């Protein structure tokens, strides 16, 4: 390949298409907050006795669907109904 047919952009040694796609790549000096999300009973706002499966089963699915439809179709100052509804 001669000089006329080479790409004019100086890529350097790192030319993979997935380079720079993580937050850590863009902000390498960011504060690591993983320590705040440890699996501890004290970090569970619902308490140790909360039964998630039982709570989900107690939901009235038709009422939840109606609430979501209302949320997506009724514009508010703080929440515009802009999802094609």
PDB file of N, CA and C in Angstrom:
ATOM      1  N   UNK A   1       0.861  -1.182   0.000  1.00  0.00           N
ATOM      2  CA  UNK A   1       0.000   0.000   0.000  1.00  0.00           C
ATOM      3  C   UNK A   1       0.899   1.234   0.000  1.00  0.00           C
ATOM      4  N   UNK A   2       0.669   2.140  -0.901  1.00  0.00           N
ATOM      5  CA  UNK A   2       1.500   3.341  -0.951  1.00  0.00           C
ATOM      6  C   UNK A   2       0.863   4.453  -0.110  1.00  0.00           C
ATOM      7  N   UNK A   3       1.534   5.564  -0.002  1.00  0.00           N
ATOM      8  CA  UNK A   3       1.073   6.676   0.830  1.00  0.00           C
ATOM      9  C   UNK A   3      -0.262   7.252   0.357  1.00  0.00           C
ATOM     10  N   UNK A   4      -0.542   7.190  -0.926  1.00  0.00           N
ATOM     11  CA  UNK A   4      -1.779   7.760  -1.462  1.00  0.00           C
ATOM     12  C   UNK A   4      -3.012   6.941  -1.076  1.00  0.00           C
ATOM     13  N   UNK A   5      -2.854   5.648  -0.841  1.00  0.00           N
ATOM     14  CA  UNK A   5      -4.003   4.797  -0.538  1.00  0.00           C
ATOM     15  C   UNK A   5      -4.196   4.562   0.947  1.00  0.00           C
ATOM     16  N   UNK A   6      -3.321   5.080   1.785  1.00  0.00           N
ATOM     17  CA  UNK A   6      -3.455   4.914   3.232  1.00  0.00           C
ATOM     18  C   UNK A   6      -4.520   5.858   3.787  1.00  0.00           C
ATOM     19  N   UNK A   7      -5.105   5.462   4.907  1.00  0.00           N
ATOM     20  CA  UNK A   7      -6.063   6.325   5.597  1.00  0.00           C
ATOM     21  C   UNK A   7      -5.328   7.546   6.141  1.00  0.00           C
ATOM     22  N   UNK A   8      -5.851   8.753   5.952  1.00  0.00           N
ATOM     23  CA  UNK A   8      -5.158   9.953   6.406  1.00  0.00           C
ATOM     24  C   UNK A   8      -5.252  10.184   7.917  1.00  0.00           C
ATOM     25  N   UNK A   9      -6.123   9.462   8.590  1.00  0.00           N
ATOM     26  CA  UNK A   9      -6.299   9.668  10.026  1.00  0.00           C
ATOM     27  C   UNK A   9      -5.245   8.886  10.790  1.00  0.00           C
ATOM     28  N   UNK A  10      -4.578   9.537  11.721  1.00  0.00           N
ATOM     29  CA  UNK A  10      -3.566   8.873  12.543  1.00  0.00           C
ATOM     30  C   UNK A  10      -4.278   8.186  13.700  1.00  0.00           C
ATOM     31  N   UNK A  11      -4.491   6.876  13.584  1.00  0.00           N
ATOM     32  CA  UNK A  11      -5.255   6.136  14.576  1.00  0.00           C
ATOM     33  C   UNK A  11      -4.457   5.800  15.828  1.00  0.00           C
ATOM     34  N   UNK A  12      -3.189   5.709  15.737  1.00  0.00           N
ATOM     35  CA  UNK A  12      -2.409   5.246  16.870  1.00  0.00           C
ATOM     36  C   UNK A  12      -2.507   3.736  16.974  1.00  0.00           C
ATOM     37  N   UNK A  13      -2.204   3.203  18.127  1.00  0.00           N
ATOM     38  CA  UNK A  13      -2.171   1.749  18.274  1.00  0.00           C
ATOM     39  C   UNK A  13      -3.494   1.162  18.731  1.00  0.00           C
ATOM     40  N   UNK A  14      -4.446   1.979  19.140  1.00  0.00           N
ATOM     41  CA  UNK A  14      -5.697   1.475  19.712  1.00  0.00           C
ATOM     42  C   UNK A  14      -6.857   1.840  18.788  1.00  0.00           C
ATOM     43  N   UNK A  15      -7.269   0.907  17.927  1.00  0.00           N
ATOM     44  CA  UNK A  15      -8.301   1.227  16.941  1.00  0.00           C
ATOM     45  C   UNK A  15      -9.500   0.296  16.985  1.00  0.00           C
ATOM     46  N   UNK A  16      -9.770  -0.339  18.123  1.00  0.00           N
ATOM     47  CA  UNK A  16     -10.915  -1.244  18.196  1.00  0.00           C
ATOM     48  C   UNK A  16     -12.207  -0.440  18.215  1.00  0.00           C
ATOM     49  N   UNK A  17     -13.264  -0.937  17.584  1.00  0.00           N
ATOM     50  CA  UNK A  17     -14.520  -0.181  17.520  1.00  0.00           C
ATOM     51  C   UNK A  17     -15.217  -0.039  18.861  1.00  0.00           C
ATOM     52  N   UNK A  18     -14.876  -0.867  19.835  1.00  0.00           N
ATOM     53  CA  UNK A  18     -15.551  -0.787  21.127  1.00  0.00           C
ATOM     54  C   UNK A  18     -14.775   0.039  22.140  1.00  0.00           C
ATOM     55  N   UNK A  19     -13.728   0.682  21.742  1.00  0.00           N
ATOM     56  CA  UNK A  19     -12.913   1.458  22.670  1.00  0.00           C
ATOM     57  C   UNK A  19     -13.673   2.685  23.151  1.00  0.00           C
ATOM     58  N   UNK A  20     -13.601   2.935  24.435  1.00  0.00           N
ATOM     59  CA  UNK A  20     -14.200   4.134  24.999  1.00  0.00           C
ATOM     60  C   UNK A  20     -15.692   4.089  25.176  1.00  0.00           C
ATOM     61  N   UNK A  21     -16.267   2.917  25.409  1.00  0.00           N
ATOM     62  CA  UNK A  21     -17.716   2.825  25.526  1.00  0.00           C
ATOM     63  C   UNK A  21     -18.200   2.744  26.961  1.00  0.00           C
ATOM     64  N   UNK A  22     -17.318   2.613  27.915  1.00  0.00           N
ATOM     65  CA  UNK A  22     -17.711   2.536  29.326  1.00  0.00           C
ATOM     66  C   UNK A  22     -17.494   3.887  29.999  1.00  0.00           C
ATOM     67  N   UNK A  23     -18.250   4.156  31.051  1.00  0.00           N
ATOM     68  CA  UNK A  23     -18.065   5.398  31.798  1.00  0.00           C
ATOM     69  C   UNK A  23     -16.637   5.525  32.302  1.00  0.00           C
ATOM     70  N   UNK A  24     -16.056   4.413  32.739  1.00  0.00           N
ATOM     71  CA  UNK A  24     -14.694   4.424  33.266  1.00  0.00           C
ATOM     72  C   UNK A  24     -13.702   4.894  32.196  1.00  0.00           C
ATOM     73  N   UNK A  25     -13.977   4.617  30.925  1.00  0.00           N
ATOM     74  CA  UNK A  25     -13.094   5.062  29.847  1.00  0.00           C
ATOM     75  C   UNK A  25     -13.151   6.574  29.665  1.00  0.00           C
ATOM     76  N   UNK A  26     -14.324   7.143  29.826  1.00  0.00           N
ATOM     77  CA  UNK A  26     -14.490   8.579  29.627  1.00  0.00           C
ATOM     78  C   UNK A  26     -14.117   9.387  30.860  1.00  0.00           C
ATOM     79  N   UNK A  27     -14.373   8.833  32.045  1.00  0.00           N
ATOM     80  CA  UNK A  27     -14.071   9.519  33.297  1.00  0.00           C
ATOM     81  C   UNK A  27     -13.229   8.599  34.177  1.00  0.00           C
ATOM     82  N   UNK A  28     -11.940   8.464  33.896  1.00  0.00           N
ATOM     83  CA  UNK A  28     -11.108   7.511  34.633  1.00  0.00           C
ATOM     84  C   UNK A  28     -10.898   7.890  36.097  1.00  0.00           C
ATOM     85  N   UNK A  29     -11.118   9.124  36.460  1.00  0.00           N
ATOM     86  CA  UNK A  29     -10.898   9.553  37.841  1.00  0.00           C
ATOM     87  C   UNK A  29     -12.181   9.592  38.657  1.00  0.00           C
ATOM     88  N   UNK A  30     -13.230   8.930  38.180  1.00  0.00           N
ATOM     89  CA  UNK A  30     -14.500   8.955  38.900  1.00  0.00           C
ATOM     90  C   UNK A  30     -14.387   8.221  40.237  1.00  0.00           C
ATOM     91  N   UNK A  31     -15.194   8.621  41.166  1.00  0.00           N
ATOM     92  CA  UNK A  31     -15.207   8.025  42.493  1.00  0.00           C
ATOM     93  C   UNK A  31     -15.936   6.689  42.446  1.00  0.00           C
ATOM     94  N   UNK A  32     -15.332   5.654  42.978  1.00  0.00           N
ATOM     95  CA  UNK A  32     -15.933   4.325  43.004  1.00  0.00           C
ATOM     96  C   UNK A  32     -16.914   4.254  44.174  1.00  0.00           C
ATOM     97  N   UNK A  33     -18.207   4.151  43.866  1.00  0.00           N
ATOM     98  CA  UNK A  33     -19.242   4.128  44.894  1.00  0.00           C
ATOM     99  C   UNK A  33     -19.741   2.726  45.204  1.00  0.00           C
ATOM    100  N   UNK A  34     -19.068   1.697  44.695  1.00  0.00           N
ATOM    101  CA  UNK A  34     -19.508   0.320  44.931  1.00  0.00           C
ATOM    102  C   UNK A  34     -19.570  -0.023  46.411  1.00  0.00           C
ATOM    103  N   UNK A  35     -18.733   0.586  47.209  1.00  0.00           N
ATOM    104  CA  UNK A  35     -18.721   0.307  48.645  1.00  0.00           C
ATOM    105  C   UNK A  35     -20.060   0.678  49.288  1.00  0.00           C
ATOM    106  N   UNK A  36     -20.787   1.609  48.696  1.00  0.00           N
ATOM    107  CA  UNK A  36     -22.071   2.031  49.250  1.00  0.00           C
ATOM    108  C   UNK A  36     -23.197   1.051  48.940  1.00  0.00           C
ATOM    109  N   UNK A  37     -22.965   0.142  48.002  1.00  0.00           N
ATOM    110  CA  UNK A  37     -24.013  -0.789  47.592  1.00  0.00           C
ATOM    111  C   UNK A  37     -23.709  -2.220  48.023  1.00  0.00           C
ATOM    112  N   UNK A  38     -23.234  -2.369  49.213  1.00  0.00           N
ATOM    113  CA  UNK A  38     -22.942  -3.711  49.704  1.00  0.00           C
ATOM    114  C   UNK A  38     -24.237  -4.411  50.088  1.00  0.00           C
ATOM    115  N   UNK A  39     -24.223  -5.736  50.020  1.00  0.00           N
ATOM    116  CA  UNK A  39     -25.397  -6.524  50.386  1.00  0.00           C
ATOM    117  C   UNK A  39     -25.436  -6.667  51.905  1.00  0.00           C
ATOM    118  N   UNK A  40     -26.164  -5.778  52.523  1.00  0.00           N
ATOM    119  CA  UNK A  40     -26.273  -5.763  53.973  1.00  0.00           C
ATOM    120  C   UNK A  40     -27.735  -5.514  54.330  1.00  0.00           C
ATOM    121  N   UNK A  41     -28.185  -6.121  55.403  1.00  0.00           N
ATOM    122  CA  UNK A  41     -29.575  -5.938  55.835  1.00  0.00           C
ATOM    123  C   UNK A  41     -29.866  -4.471  56.146  1.00  0.00           C
ATOM    124  N   UNK A  42     -28.855  -3.734  56.566  1.00  0.00           N
ATOM    125  CA  UNK A  42     -29.059  -2.323  56.889  1.00  0.00           C
ATOM    126  C   UNK A  42     -29.341  -1.480  55.645  1.00  0.00           C
ATOM    127  N   UNK A  43     -28.935  -1.962  54.476  1.00  0.00           N
ATOM    128  CA  UNK A  43     -29.163  -1.191  53.254  1.00  0.00           C
ATOM    129  C   UNK A  43     -30.489  -1.534  52.584  1.00  0.00           C
ATOM    130  N   UNK A  44     -31.256  -2.449  53.143  1.00  0.00           N
ATOM    131  CA  UNK A  44     -32.557  -2.830  52.599  1.00  0.00           C
ATOM    132  C   UNK A  44     -33.635  -1.952  53.231  1.00  0.00           C
ATOM    133  N   UNK A  45     -34.254  -1.035  52.474  1.00  0.00           N
ATOM    134  CA  UNK A  45     -35.249  -0.134  53.057  1.00  0.00           C
ATOM    135  C   UNK A  45     -36.550  -0.834  53.436  1.00  0.00           C
ATOM    136  N   UNK A  46     -36.783  -2.048  52.938  1.00  0.00           N
ATOM    137  CA  UNK A  46     -38.028  -2.756  53.216  1.00  0.00           C
ATOM    138  C   UNK A  46     -37.918  -3.698  54.406  1.00  0.00           C
ATOM    139  N   UNK A  47     -36.733  -3.909  54.904  1.00  0.00           N
ATOM    140  CA  UNK A  47     -36.552  -4.779  56.061  1.00  0.00           C
ATOM    141  C   UNK A  47     -36.349  -6.229  55.671  1.00  0.00           C
ATOM    142  N   UNK A  48     -35.837  -7.010  56.597  1.00  0.00           N
ATOM    143  CA  UNK A  48     -35.512  -8.411  56.335  1.00  0.00           C
ATOM    144  C   UNK A  48     -36.762  -9.270  56.176  1.00  0.00           C
ATOM    145  N   UNK A  49     -37.876  -8.867  56.770  1.00  0.00           N
ATOM    146  CA  UNK A  49     -39.097  -9.676  56.729  1.00  0.00           C
ATOM    147  C   UNK A  49     -39.953  -9.428  55.486  1.00  0.00           C
ATOM    148  N   UNK A  50     -39.552  -8.502  54.633  1.00  0.00           N
ATOM    149  CA  UNK A  50     -40.351  -8.178  53.452  1.00  0.00           C
ATOM    150  C   UNK A  50     -40.312  -9.329  52.453  1.00  0.00           C
ATOM    151  N   UNK A  51     -41.488  -9.772  51.996  1.00  0.00           N
ATOM    152  CA  UNK A  51     -41.605 -10.858  51.021  1.00  0.00           C
ATOM    153  C   UNK A  51     -41.963 -10.251  49.669  1.00  0.00           C
ATOM    154  N   UNK A  52     -40.962 -10.089  48.815  1.00  0.00           N
ATOM    155  CA  UNK A  52     -41.148  -9.437  47.524  1.00  0.00           C
ATOM    156  C   UNK A  52     -42.143 -10.203  46.657  1.00  0.00           C
ATOM    157  N   UNK A  53     -42.022 -11.514  46.617  1.00  0.00           N
ATOM    158  CA  UNK A  53     -42.909 -12.332  45.783  1.00  0.00           C
ATOM    159  C   UNK A  53     -44.365 -12.169  46.226  1.00  0.00           C
ATOM    160  N   UNK A  54     -44.593 -12.145  47.523  1.00  0.00           N
ATOM    161  CA  UNK A  54     -45.952 -11.979  48.051  1.00  0.00           C
ATOM    162  C   UNK A  54     -46.491 -10.584  47.701  1.00  0.00           C
ATOM    163  N   UNK A  55     -45.633  -9.576  47.781  1.00  0.00           N
ATOM    164  CA  UNK A  55     -46.052  -8.211  47.466  1.00  0.00           C
ATOM    165  C   UNK A  55     -46.436  -8.077  45.993  1.00  0.00           C
ATOM    166  N   UNK A  56     -45.676  -8.710  45.109  1.00  0.00           N
ATOM    167  CA  UNK A  56     -45.987  -8.647  43.681  1.00  0.00           C
ATOM    168  C   UNK A  56     -47.302  -9.361  43.393  1.00  0.00           C
ATOM    169  N   UNK A  57     -47.524 -10.502  44.036  1.00  0.00           N
ATOM    170  CA  UNK A  57     -48.769 -11.248  43.824  1.00  0.00           C
ATOM    171  C   UNK A  57     -49.987 -10.470  44.312  1.00  0.00           C
ATOM    172  N   UNK A  58     -49.796  -9.571  45.273  1.00  0.00           N
ATOM    173  CA  UNK A  58     -50.923  -8.813  45.811  1.00  0.00           C
ATOM    174  C   UNK A  58     -51.307  -7.616  44.933  1.00  0.00           C
ATOM    175  N   UNK A  59     -50.511  -7.324  43.904  1.00  0.00           N
ATOM    176  CA  UNK A  59     -50.823  -6.199  43.023  1.00  0.00           C
ATOM    177  C   UNK A  59     -52.071  -6.480  42.194  1.00  0.00           C
ATOM    178  N   UNK A  60     -52.845  -5.448  41.989  1.00  0.00           N
ATOM    179  CA  UNK A  60     -53.991  -5.522  41.088  1.00  0.00           C
ATOM    180  C   UNK A  60     -53.478  -5.087  39.718  1.00  0.00           C
ATOM    181  N   UNK A  61     -53.206  -6.066  38.860  1.00  0.00           N
ATOM    182  CA  UNK A  61     -52.538  -5.814  37.585  1.00  0.00           C
ATOM    183  C   UNK A  61     -53.323  -4.839  36.715  1.00  0.00           C
ATOM    184  N   UNK A  62     -54.637  -4.957  36.683  1.00  0.00           N
ATOM    185  CA  UNK A  62     -55.442  -4.032  35.871  1.00  0.00           C
ATOM    186  C   UNK A  62     -55.294  -2.595  36.361  1.00  0.00           C
ATOM    187  N   UNK A  63     -55.227  -2.414  37.674  1.00  0.00           N
ATOM    188  CA  UNK A  63     -55.057  -1.071  38.233  1.00  0.00           C
ATOM    189  C   UNK A  63     -53.668  -0.522  37.905  1.00  0.00           C
ATOM    190  N   UNK A  64     -52.651  -1.371  37.955  1.00  0.00           N
ATOM    191  CA  UNK A  64     -51.293  -0.938  37.610  1.00  0.00           C
ATOM    192  C   UNK A  64     -51.231  -0.520  36.142  1.00  0.00           C
ATOM    193  N   UNK A  65     -51.849  -1.311  35.256  1.00  0.00           N
ATOM    194  CA  UNK A  65     -51.880  -0.966  33.834  1.00  0.00           C
ATOM    195  C   UNK A  65     -52.606   0.353  33.604  1.00  0.00           C
ATOM    196  N   UNK A  66     -53.711   0.558  34.310  1.00  0.00           N
ATOM    197  CA  UNK A  66     -54.463   1.808  34.162  1.00  0.00           C
ATOM    198  C   UNK A  66     -53.629   2.996  34.638  1.00  0.00           C
ATOM    199  N   UNK A  67     -52.916   2.819  35.744  1.00  0.00           N
ATOM    200  CA  UNK A  67     -52.052   3.889  36.251  1.00  0.00           C
ATOM    201  C   UNK A  67     -50.946   4.227  35.253  1.00  0.00           C
ATOM    202  N   UNK A  68     -50.341   3.206  34.657  1.00  0.00           N
ATOM    203  CA  UNK A  68     -49.277   3.443  33.683  1.00  0.00           C
ATOM    204  C   UNK A  68     -49.806   4.138  32.434  1.00  0.00           C
ATOM    205  N   UNK A  69     -50.986   3.733  31.986  1.00  0.00           N
ATOM    206  CA  UNK A  69     -51.578   4.378  30.810  1.00  0.00           C
ATOM    207  C   UNK A  69     -51.868   5.849  31.102  1.00  0.00           C
ATOM    208  N   UNK A  70     -52.399   6.118  32.292  1.00  0.00           N
ATOM    209  CA  UNK A  70     -52.683   7.503  32.678  1.00  0.00           C
ATOM    210  C   UNK A  70     -51.385   8.308  32.763  1.00  0.00           C
ATOM    211  N   UNK A  71     -50.340   7.704  33.314  1.00  0.00           N
ATOM    212  CA  UNK A  71     -49.048   8.371  33.434  1.00  0.00           C
ATOM    213  C   UNK A  71     -48.497   8.758  32.062  1.00  0.00           C
ATOM    214  N   UNK A  72     -48.659   7.868  31.083  1.00  0.00           N
ATOM    215  CA  UNK A  72     -48.097   8.112  29.752  1.00  0.00           C
ATOM    216  C   UNK A  72     -48.960   9.010  28.877  1.00  0.00           C
ATOM    217  N   UNK A  73     -50.223   9.203  29.229  1.00  0.00           N
ATOM    218  CA  UNK A  73     -51.107   9.988  28.362  1.00  0.00           C
ATOM    219  C   UNK A  73     -51.517  11.329  28.950  1.00  0.00           C
ATOM    220  N   UNK A  74     -51.423  11.516  30.239  1.00  0.00           N
ATOM    221  CA  UNK A  74     -51.789  12.786  30.872  1.00  0.00           C
ATOM    222  C   UNK A  74     -50.535  13.618  31.126  1.00  0.00           C
ATOM    223  N   UNK A  75     -50.369  14.698  30.388  1.00  0.00           N
ATOM    224  CA  UNK A  75     -49.196  15.551  30.559  1.00  0.00           C
ATOM    225  C   UNK A  75     -49.274  16.336  31.859  1.00  0.00           C
ATOM    226  N   UNK A  76     -48.148  16.465  32.491  1.00  0.00           N
ATOM    227  CA  UNK A  76     -47.977  17.293  33.680  1.00  0.00           C
ATOM    228  C   UNK A  76     -46.845  18.275  33.381  1.00  0.00           C
ATOM    229  N   UNK A  77     -46.720  19.320  34.187  1.00  0.00           N
ATOM    230  CA  UNK A  77     -45.608  20.256  33.998  1.00  0.00           C
ATOM    231  C   UNK A  77     -44.267  19.541  34.140  1.00  0.00           C
ATOM    232  N   UNK A  78     -44.218  18.602  35.051  1.00  0.00           N
ATOM    233  CA  UNK A  78     -42.975  17.898  35.355  1.00  0.00           C
ATOM    234  C   UNK A  78     -42.833  16.580  34.599  1.00  0.00           C
ATOM    235  N   UNK A  79     -43.865  16.134  33.848  1.00  0.00           N
ATOM    236  CA  UNK A  79     -43.819  14.863  33.125  1.00  0.00           C
ATOM    237  C   UNK A  79     -44.650  14.984  31.856  1.00  0.00           C
ATOM    238  N   UNK A  80     -44.035  15.376  30.743  1.00  0.00           N
ATOM    239  CA  UNK A  80     -44.803  15.492  29.501  1.00  0.00           C
ATOM    240  C   UNK A  80     -45.151  14.122  28.933  1.00  0.00           C
ATOM    241  N   UNK A  81     -46.368  13.977  28.451  1.00  0.00           N
ATOM    242  CA  UNK A  81     -46.796  12.722  27.824  1.00  0.00           C
ATOM    243  C   UNK A  81     -46.313  12.741  26.380  1.00  0.00           C
ATOM    244  N   UNK A  82     -45.056  12.403  26.178  1.00  0.00           N
ATOM    245  CA  UNK A  82     -44.446  12.544  24.858  1.00  0.00           C
ATOM    246  C   UNK A  82     -44.036  11.214  24.236  1.00  0.00           C
ATOM    247  N   UNK A  83     -44.681  10.154  24.616  1.00  0.00           N
ATOM    248  CA  UNK A  83     -44.305   8.845  24.103  1.00  0.00           C
ATOM    249  C   UNK A  83     -45.248   8.374  23.001  1.00  0.00           C
ATOM    250  N   UNK A  84     -45.680   9.275  22.138  1.00  0.00           N
ATOM    251  CA  UNK A  84     -46.533   8.922  21.016  1.00  0.00           C
ATOM    252  C   UNK A  84     -47.969   8.640  21.396  1.00  0.00           C
ATOM    253  N   UNK A  85     -48.371   9.094  22.551  1.00  0.00           N
ATOM    254  CA  UNK A  85     -49.747   8.854  22.996  1.00  0.00           C
ATOM    255  C   UNK A  85     -50.558  10.119  22.794  1.00  0.00           C
TER     256      UNK A  85
END
